[in-house]
């Protein structure tokens, strides 16, 4: 009996698309044998037919119009690897309306248009797989939807952006400044020419939105999250972290109080204890900790980006899609949890670190302490260090347990003091168990 043929179309032959083509070309025969099918790389779309690429693709299989792949009745699986939320959205919806299976690594698309995409798949009998959209080669989506399905998740937190982790790691190890390390990261290809999506926290926020939906059934728009990046982290902050047993990491933090508590999704630089596994994850690696009410804490570490890691996740989704097409199981069910409300700022609690440059004169600390007292924020510790300019000092405060509303009011009032020079730096202090 002849094997069933599964034709795969790849929309976008950038770094990830070429990785998928390369690894499927090399391994499609053994992978197809395990799945009981014949896998065929049917077609691919590119922007420029004349561009030289690291993979060899027959000219007859290339097109400049990704919609022809989405509409081709001979293509069973469409891999959307274009990126962005423009033509990628159009291609995805076009394929789903034809009942096709779509595989995507596009976190921005899913974060912005997830409900529309899932509705289209449900309405027309298509399927949408997206393991590669979060944390590259780490199978975190399968973990949440399959391995940990019996759990409710009070806390999910982790490093979801390898560029930021690479920059912070080198700042700590080498004592160099943010700008210097960023320039080096661009030369090495770890940061884009326009690095803002990564270093200002938006890439992490898109991924956090997907994880929050999977865990809690609620789409949280990025504009409703607290999102802060790493651009203001300095060696003064790195030194404090080192001396006090912390590492600074850009974290996505998703919390929910059960049964009736609100959901909070936030992204910010965080002082993470070195006793916690995530405090020791460095370079371009990602790490995600998931705490379930039954299983307790589980952690997942691996390369969160790059051609091979992301291609691995895409090909894993292709394997699941083939199983679904041939055997009618292993479908990625739509999350159907009861949507929950978002936490108010006063409900988001924690400890905080504030660093500020002040005039080195009598009474400054007393005025700052007066501000924190009026805001209801209790100071746990104060350190004074030399300032960066003549006649200035650097003050570092840490607080006892407080909340986001109080701490934001505190920082705003401190900034308004005439003795405070510039905008204070605010970091959250993680209280995760070891």
Protein backbone atom coordinates (compact mmCIF):
# COMPACT_ATOMS: atom_id res chain seq x y z
CA UNK A 1 0.00 0.00 0.00
CA UNK A 2 1.42 3.39 -0.99
CA UNK A 3 2.18 5.97 1.65
CA UNK A 4 0.02 9.07 1.99
CA UNK A 5 1.76 12.17 0.64
CA UNK A 6 1.76 15.31 2.84
CA UNK A 7 2.74 18.46 0.95
CA UNK A 8 4.29 21.29 2.98
CA UNK A 9 4.42 24.92 1.88
CA UNK A 10 6.72 27.42 3.60
CA UNK A 11 5.78 31.09 3.48
CA UNK A 12 8.96 33.02 4.17
CA UNK A 13 12.50 31.72 3.60
CA UNK A 14 14.30 33.89 6.12
CA UNK A 15 16.52 32.49 8.84
CA UNK A 16 13.86 30.20 10.33
CA UNK A 17 12.32 29.21 7.00
CA UNK A 18 15.70 28.17 5.63
CA UNK A 19 16.33 26.19 8.81
CA UNK A 20 13.05 24.31 8.40
CA UNK A 21 13.77 23.62 4.72
CA UNK A 22 17.32 22.47 5.52
CA UNK A 23 16.42 20.10 8.34
CA UNK A 24 13.31 18.71 6.64
CA UNK A 25 15.32 18.09 3.46
CA UNK A 26 17.89 16.16 5.46
CA UNK A 27 15.47 14.25 7.70
CA UNK A 28 12.12 14.00 5.94
CA UNK A 29 12.61 10.35 4.94
CA UNK A 30 13.23 8.99 8.48
CA UNK A 31 10.68 11.43 9.95
CA UNK A 32 8.13 10.40 7.32
CA UNK A 33 8.80 6.74 8.06
CA UNK A 34 8.09 7.28 11.75
CA UNK A 35 4.88 9.11 10.89
CA UNK A 36 3.83 6.65 8.18
CA UNK A 37 3.71 9.26 5.39
CA UNK A 38 5.81 10.73 2.62
CA UNK A 39 6.72 14.34 3.43
CA UNK A 40 7.20 16.64 0.43
CA UNK A 41 8.60 20.17 0.50
CA UNK A 42 6.13 21.39 -2.08
CA UNK A 43 6.76 25.13 -2.35
CA UNK A 44 8.14 28.23 -0.66
CA UNK A 45 7.54 31.96 -0.97
CA UNK A 46 10.29 34.59 -0.98
CA UNK A 47 10.48 38.31 -1.51
CA UNK A 48 13.36 38.16 -3.99
CA UNK A 49 13.77 35.21 -6.34
CA UNK A 50 17.34 36.20 -7.17
CA UNK A 51 18.64 36.38 -3.61
CA UNK A 52 21.33 33.86 -2.68
CA UNK A 53 20.36 31.60 0.21
CA UNK A 54 22.06 29.04 2.40
CA UNK A 55 19.66 26.34 1.18
CA UNK A 56 19.15 25.17 -2.37
CA UNK A 57 15.50 25.33 -3.47
CA UNK A 58 14.47 24.41 -7.03
CA UNK A 59 13.32 27.51 -8.89
CA UNK A 60 10.06 25.79 -9.86
CA UNK A 61 9.09 25.57 -6.19
CA UNK A 62 9.58 29.27 -5.45
CA UNK A 63 7.03 32.05 -5.67
CA UNK A 64 6.91 35.68 -4.59
CA UNK A 65 3.24 35.40 -3.62
CA UNK A 66 2.65 33.55 -0.32
CA UNK A 67 -1.11 33.61 -0.94
CA UNK A 68 -0.68 31.14 -3.79
CA UNK A 69 0.65 28.65 -1.23
CA UNK A 70 -2.21 29.35 1.18
CA UNK A 71 -4.74 28.80 -1.65
CA UNK A 72 -3.07 25.82 -3.35
CA UNK A 73 -5.34 22.77 -2.87
CA UNK A 74 -2.29 20.50 -3.10
CA UNK A 75 -0.65 22.03 -0.02
CA UNK A 76 -1.80 20.37 3.21
CA UNK A 77 0.37 22.21 5.76
CA UNK A 78 1.24 25.91 5.51
CA UNK A 79 4.19 27.14 7.57
CA UNK A 80 3.78 30.90 8.14
CA UNK A 81 7.32 32.14 8.79
CA UNK A 82 7.00 35.61 7.29
CA UNK A 83 6.73 37.55 10.55
CA UNK A 84 4.84 40.72 11.35
CA UNK A 85 1.08 41.16 11.44
CA UNK A 86 0.32 42.27 7.86
CA UNK A 87 0.63 39.74 5.05
CA UNK A 88 1.29 37.04 7.67
CA UNK A 89 -2.23 37.54 9.04
CA UNK A 90 -3.74 37.48 5.54
CA UNK A 91 -1.92 34.26 4.64
CA UNK A 92 -2.86 32.58 7.91
CA UNK A 93 -6.56 33.41 7.64
CA UNK A 94 -6.66 32.50 3.94
CA UNK A 95 -5.23 29.04 4.66
CA UNK A 96 -7.50 28.44 7.65
CA UNK A 97 -10.60 29.42 5.64
CA UNK A 98 -9.70 26.59 3.29
CA UNK A 99 -9.54 24.14 6.18
CA UNK A 100 -5.76 23.86 6.05
CA UNK A 101 -3.34 23.35 8.91
CA UNK A 102 -1.16 26.37 9.65
CA UNK A 103 2.06 26.33 11.66
CA UNK A 104 3.46 29.62 12.87
CA UNK A 105 6.43 30.98 14.80
CA UNK A 106 4.87 34.46 14.86
CA UNK A 107 4.32 35.65 18.44
CA UNK A 108 3.36 39.19 17.39
CA UNK A 109 0.63 37.86 15.10
CA UNK A 110 -0.77 35.52 17.75
CA UNK A 111 -0.60 38.13 20.50
CA UNK A 112 -2.45 40.70 18.36
CA UNK A 113 -4.92 38.46 16.49
CA UNK A 114 -5.17 35.22 18.47
CA UNK A 115 -8.96 35.25 18.96
CA UNK A 116 -9.54 35.92 15.25
CA UNK A 117 -7.17 33.15 14.21
CA UNK A 118 -8.68 30.53 16.51
CA UNK A 119 -12.19 31.52 15.47
CA UNK A 120 -11.29 31.09 11.79
CA UNK A 121 -9.77 27.67 12.44
CA UNK A 122 -12.84 26.56 14.39
CA UNK A 123 -15.32 27.91 11.83
CA UNK A 124 -13.69 26.35 8.76
CA UNK A 125 -12.22 23.13 10.18
CA UNK A 126 -8.61 24.26 9.97
CA UNK A 127 -5.93 23.86 12.64
CA UNK A 128 -3.31 26.23 14.02
CA UNK A 129 -0.07 25.11 15.70
CA UNK A 130 2.30 27.62 17.30
CA UNK A 131 4.90 25.89 19.48
CA UNK A 132 7.73 27.92 17.90
CA UNK A 133 6.12 31.26 18.82
CA UNK A 134 7.39 31.14 22.43
CA UNK A 135 10.88 30.23 23.67
CA UNK A 136 12.19 28.70 20.44
CA UNK A 137 13.12 25.08 20.98
CA UNK A 138 11.65 24.80 24.49
CA UNK A 139 8.36 22.84 24.23
CA UNK A 140 6.55 25.05 26.73
CA UNK A 141 3.24 25.15 24.85
CA UNK A 142 2.97 21.37 24.80
CA UNK A 143 3.90 21.31 28.47
CA UNK A 144 1.04 23.66 29.38
CA UNK A 145 -1.58 22.10 27.08
CA UNK A 146 -0.68 18.45 27.49
CA UNK A 147 1.81 17.47 30.19
CA UNK A 148 0.48 19.85 32.88
CA UNK A 149 -3.17 19.96 31.82
CA UNK A 150 -4.39 18.81 35.26
CA UNK A 151 -2.97 21.91 36.95
CA UNK A 152 -4.02 25.46 37.69
CA UNK A 153 -1.10 27.86 37.37
CA UNK A 154 -0.62 30.41 40.11
CA UNK A 155 2.77 31.54 38.80
CA UNK A 156 4.58 31.36 35.47
CA UNK A 157 7.75 33.37 35.13
CA UNK A 158 10.85 33.29 33.03
CA UNK A 159 13.37 34.63 30.56
CA UNK A 160 11.76 34.76 27.11
CA UNK A 161 14.22 36.93 25.18
CA UNK A 162 17.73 35.71 24.45
CA UNK A 163 18.99 39.10 23.28
CA UNK A 164 18.29 40.77 26.63
CA UNK A 165 19.71 37.83 28.56
CA UNK A 166 22.88 37.94 26.49
CA UNK A 167 23.33 41.68 27.12
CA UNK A 168 22.71 41.41 30.87
CA UNK A 169 25.02 38.38 31.16
CA UNK A 170 27.90 40.20 29.51
CA UNK A 171 27.30 43.37 31.51
CA UNK A 172 27.66 41.30 34.65
CA UNK A 173 30.69 39.30 33.55
CA UNK A 174 32.69 42.07 31.91
CA UNK A 175 31.70 45.22 33.76
CA UNK A 176 30.94 46.97 30.48
CA UNK A 177 28.05 49.36 29.86
CA UNK A 178 24.76 48.61 28.17
CA UNK A 179 25.50 50.57 24.98
CA UNK A 180 28.87 48.88 24.44
CA UNK A 181 27.45 45.36 24.85
CA UNK A 182 24.45 46.18 22.64
CA UNK A 183 26.75 47.28 19.82
CA UNK A 184 28.69 44.03 20.15
CA UNK A 185 25.46 42.00 20.17
CA UNK A 186 24.48 43.62 16.87
CA UNK A 187 27.83 42.75 15.32
CA UNK A 188 27.42 39.12 16.42
CA UNK A 189 23.87 38.91 15.12
CA UNK A 190 22.23 38.50 18.54
CA UNK A 191 20.42 41.83 18.24
CA UNK A 192 18.56 43.35 15.30
CA UNK A 193 19.56 46.65 13.71
CA UNK A 194 16.48 48.09 15.45
CA UNK A 195 16.78 46.48 18.84
CA UNK A 196 13.77 48.18 20.46
CA UNK A 197 11.38 45.23 20.15
CA UNK A 198 13.77 43.14 22.24
CA UNK A 199 15.38 45.51 24.74
CA UNK A 200 12.24 47.50 25.54
CA UNK A 201 10.38 44.32 26.48
CA UNK A 202 7.79 44.08 23.68
CA UNK A 203 8.99 40.76 22.27
CA UNK A 204 8.76 39.25 25.75
CA UNK A 205 5.31 40.79 26.24
CA UNK A 206 3.98 39.16 23.04
CA UNK A 207 5.18 35.78 24.28
CA UNK A 208 3.78 36.38 27.76
CA UNK A 209 0.36 37.09 26.23
CA UNK A 210 0.39 33.67 24.57
CA UNK A 211 1.41 31.87 27.77
CA UNK A 212 -1.26 33.71 29.77
CA UNK A 213 -3.91 32.65 27.29
CA UNK A 214 -2.80 29.02 27.36
CA UNK A 215 -2.74 28.94 31.15
CA UNK A 216 -5.80 31.07 31.93
CA UNK A 217 -7.96 31.37 28.81
CA UNK A 218 -7.73 35.17 28.72
CA UNK A 219 -6.06 37.28 26.04
CA UNK A 220 -4.28 40.17 27.74
CA UNK A 221 -3.50 43.01 25.32
CA UNK A 222 0.09 44.21 25.52
CA UNK A 223 -1.16 47.75 26.17
CA UNK A 224 -2.74 46.51 29.41
CA UNK A 225 0.48 44.97 30.69
CA UNK A 226 3.24 46.58 32.70
CA UNK A 227 6.13 46.47 30.19
CA UNK A 228 9.61 47.79 30.98
CA UNK A 229 12.89 47.01 29.24
CA UNK A 230 16.57 46.89 30.15
CA UNK A 231 17.82 50.12 28.57
CA UNK A 232 18.36 51.92 31.89
CA UNK A 233 20.21 49.11 33.68
CA UNK A 234 23.69 50.27 34.68
CA UNK A 235 26.77 48.83 36.35
CA UNK A 236 25.52 50.35 39.62
CA UNK A 237 22.52 48.02 39.47
CA UNK A 238 24.67 45.06 38.41
CA UNK A 239 27.03 45.69 41.35
CA UNK A 240 24.17 45.80 43.88
CA UNK A 241 22.81 42.55 42.49
CA UNK A 242 26.18 40.80 42.69
CA UNK A 243 26.88 41.98 46.24
CA UNK A 244 23.46 40.88 47.49
CA UNK A 245 23.11 37.47 45.87
CA UNK A 246 20.98 38.45 42.88
CA UNK A 247 21.18 38.46 39.10
CA UNK A 248 19.25 40.95 36.97
CA UNK A 249 17.02 39.25 34.40
CA UNK A 250 14.29 40.57 32.13
CA UNK A 251 11.33 38.44 33.24
CA UNK A 252 7.83 37.81 32.07
CA UNK A 253 5.72 37.22 35.19
CA UNK A 254 2.19 35.80 35.03
CA UNK A 255 0.36 35.47 38.34
CA UNK A 256 -3.16 34.58 39.35
CA UNK A 257 -4.80 34.17 42.73
CA UNK A 258 -7.34 31.34 42.83
CA UNK A 259 -10.26 30.96 42.94
CA UNK A 260 -11.48 34.53 42.34
CA UNK A 261 -8.27 36.57 42.18
CA UNK A 262 -7.21 38.62 39.20
CA UNK A 263 -4.70 37.80 36.49
CA UNK A 264 -1.53 39.87 36.18
CA UNK A 265 0.84 39.78 33.20
CA UNK A 266 3.93 41.94 33.37
CA UNK A 267 7.42 42.27 31.91
CA UNK A 268 10.28 44.01 33.70
CA UNK A 269 13.91 43.72 34.82
CA UNK A 270 13.97 41.78 38.05
CA UNK A 271 16.46 41.03 40.81
CA UNK A 272 16.35 37.23 40.86
CA UNK A 273 18.00 35.30 43.73
CA UNK A 274 21.02 33.27 42.68
CA UNK A 275 19.50 30.38 44.63
CA UNK A 276 16.76 30.14 41.99
CA UNK A 277 17.51 28.24 38.79
CA UNK A 278 16.48 31.17 36.58
CA UNK A 279 19.02 33.41 38.31
CA UNK A 280 21.74 31.19 36.82
CA UNK A 281 20.52 31.00 33.21
CA UNK A 282 22.84 33.06 31.04
CA UNK A 283 23.82 34.04 27.50
CA UNK A 284 21.10 33.57 24.83
CA UNK A 285 19.29 30.86 26.77
CA UNK A 286 15.66 31.11 27.80
CA UNK A 287 14.17 29.62 30.96
CA UNK A 288 10.57 29.25 32.09
CA UNK A 289 9.33 28.20 35.52
CA UNK A 290 5.76 26.93 35.77
CA UNK A 291 4.14 26.41 39.18
CA UNK A 292 1.05 24.22 39.15
CA UNK A 293 -1.23 23.54 42.08
CA UNK A 294 -0.69 19.77 41.72
CA UNK A 295 2.79 19.29 40.27
CA UNK A 296 4.50 22.19 42.06
CA UNK A 297 7.32 23.94 40.21
CA UNK A 298 8.76 22.67 36.94
CA UNK A 299 11.46 24.45 34.91
CA UNK A 300 12.34 24.42 31.22
CA UNK A 301 15.67 25.70 29.86
CA UNK A 302 17.02 25.87 26.33
CA UNK A 303 17.89 28.05 23.39
CA UNK A 304 15.02 30.43 22.94
CA UNK A 305 15.88 31.69 19.48
CA UNK A 306 18.04 31.04 16.48
CA UNK A 307 17.60 29.05 13.30
CA UNK A 308 17.98 25.53 14.62
CA UNK A 309 16.07 25.91 17.89
CA UNK A 310 13.06 27.52 16.21
CA UNK A 311 13.18 25.15 13.25
CA UNK A 312 13.09 22.25 15.71
CA UNK A 313 9.84 23.58 17.19
CA UNK A 314 8.31 24.15 13.74
CA UNK A 315 9.16 20.61 12.63
CA UNK A 316 7.73 19.24 15.89
CA UNK A 317 4.47 21.00 15.01
CA UNK A 318 4.63 19.55 11.51
CA UNK A 319 4.88 16.07 13.03
CA UNK A 320 1.85 16.74 15.24
CA UNK A 321 -0.05 18.18 12.28
CA UNK A 322 0.67 15.06 10.21
CA UNK A 323 -0.62 12.86 13.03
CA UNK A 324 -3.75 14.98 13.19
CA UNK A 325 -4.32 14.83 9.43
CA UNK A 326 -3.76 11.09 9.19
CA UNK A 327 -5.23 9.78 12.43
CA UNK A 328 -7.59 12.48 13.57
CA UNK A 329 -6.03 12.99 17.00
CA UNK A 330 -3.48 15.15 18.75
CA UNK A 331 -5.32 18.30 17.72
CA UNK A 332 -4.37 21.44 19.55
CA UNK A 333 -7.64 22.20 21.36
CA UNK A 334 -8.67 25.78 21.89
CA UNK A 335 -8.24 26.86 25.48
CA UNK A 336 -11.71 27.04 27.06
CA UNK A 337 -11.02 28.21 30.59
CA UNK A 338 -13.27 30.76 32.25
CA UNK A 339 -11.86 34.21 31.40
CA UNK A 340 -10.75 36.14 34.46
CA UNK A 341 -10.42 39.80 35.36
CA UNK A 342 -7.09 41.62 35.35
CA UNK A 343 -5.49 42.56 38.66
CA UNK A 344 -5.59 46.19 39.75
CA UNK A 345 -2.21 47.84 40.49
CA UNK A 346 -2.86 47.79 44.24
CA UNK A 347 -3.29 44.00 44.09
CA UNK A 348 0.15 43.41 42.56
CA UNK A 349 2.47 43.02 45.52
CA UNK A 350 6.19 42.63 45.96
CA UNK A 351 9.43 44.19 47.13
CA UNK A 352 11.22 46.91 45.20
CA UNK A 353 14.62 48.44 44.47
CA UNK A 354 14.95 52.16 43.70
CA UNK A 355 18.22 53.79 42.63
CA UNK A 356 18.48 57.55 42.22
CA UNK A 357 21.12 60.23 41.78
CA UNK A 358 20.72 63.03 44.34
CA UNK A 359 22.47 66.20 45.41
CA UNK A 360 24.98 65.34 48.12
CA UNK A 361 23.66 67.68 50.81
CA UNK A 362 22.05 67.41 54.26
CA UNK A 363 18.37 66.50 54.54
CA UNK A 364 18.01 64.69 51.21
CA UNK A 365 17.38 61.28 52.72
CA UNK A 366 14.86 62.72 55.18
CA UNK A 367 12.86 64.27 52.34
CA UNK A 368 12.87 60.99 50.41
CA UNK A 369 11.81 59.08 53.52
CA UNK A 370 8.95 61.53 53.93
CA UNK A 371 7.78 60.78 50.39
CA UNK A 372 7.85 57.02 50.91
CA UNK A 373 5.97 57.38 54.20
CA UNK A 374 3.20 59.44 52.56
CA UNK A 375 2.86 56.75 49.88
CA UNK A 376 2.69 53.97 52.45
CA UNK A 377 5.96 52.38 51.33
CA UNK A 378 8.24 51.02 54.06
CA UNK A 379 12.01 51.26 53.47
CA UNK A 380 13.95 48.08 54.29
CA UNK A 381 17.49 49.21 53.48
CA UNK A 382 19.41 52.31 52.31
CA UNK A 383 22.82 52.43 50.67
CA UNK A 384 24.74 55.53 49.59
CA UNK A 385 27.47 55.40 46.98
CA UNK A 386 29.49 57.99 45.03
CA UNK A 387 27.53 59.71 42.29
CA UNK A 388 28.45 59.93 38.63
CA UNK A 389 28.91 63.70 38.76
CA UNK A 390 30.57 66.16 41.18
CA UNK A 391 28.44 67.09 44.16
CA UNK A 392 26.11 64.10 43.69
CA UNK A 393 25.53 60.81 45.47
CA UNK A 394 23.80 57.61 44.41
CA UNK A 395 21.09 56.37 46.79
CA UNK A 396 19.74 52.83 46.63
CA UNK A 397 16.58 51.95 48.55
CA UNK A 398 14.98 48.56 48.95
CA UNK A 399 11.49 48.23 50.34
CA UNK A 400 9.44 45.86 52.40
CA UNK A 401 6.38 44.31 50.75
CA UNK A 402 4.38 46.96 48.90
CA UNK A 403 2.27 47.22 45.73
CA UNK A 404 2.49 48.64 42.23
CA UNK A 405 0.15 51.56 42.86
CA UNK A 406 2.07 52.73 45.91
CA UNK A 407 5.50 52.27 44.38
CA UNK A 408 4.61 54.13 41.17
CA UNK A 409 3.27 57.03 43.24
CA UNK A 410 6.46 56.98 45.30
CA UNK A 411 8.76 57.12 42.26
CA UNK A 412 6.73 59.94 40.70
CA UNK A 413 6.91 62.02 43.89
CA UNK A 414 10.62 61.34 44.36
CA UNK A 415 11.25 62.47 40.80
CA UNK A 416 9.56 65.77 41.64
CA UNK A 417 11.99 66.58 44.46
CA UNK A 418 14.45 69.29 43.54
CA UNK A 419 17.30 67.33 45.11
CA UNK A 420 16.78 64.29 42.86
CA UNK A 421 18.75 64.40 39.60
CA UNK A 422 17.06 62.56 36.76
CA UNK A 423 14.58 59.69 36.66
CA UNK A 424 14.97 57.03 39.40
CA UNK A 425 15.55 53.43 38.29
CA UNK A 426 12.94 50.98 39.62
CA UNK A 427 13.46 47.20 39.72
CA UNK A 428 11.28 44.47 41.18
CA UNK A 429 12.76 41.99 43.63
CA UNK A 430 11.71 38.39 43.04
CA UNK A 431 10.72 36.37 46.07
CA UNK A 432 10.64 33.04 44.28
CA UNK A 433 11.61 30.02 46.31
CA UNK A 434 14.91 28.30 45.54
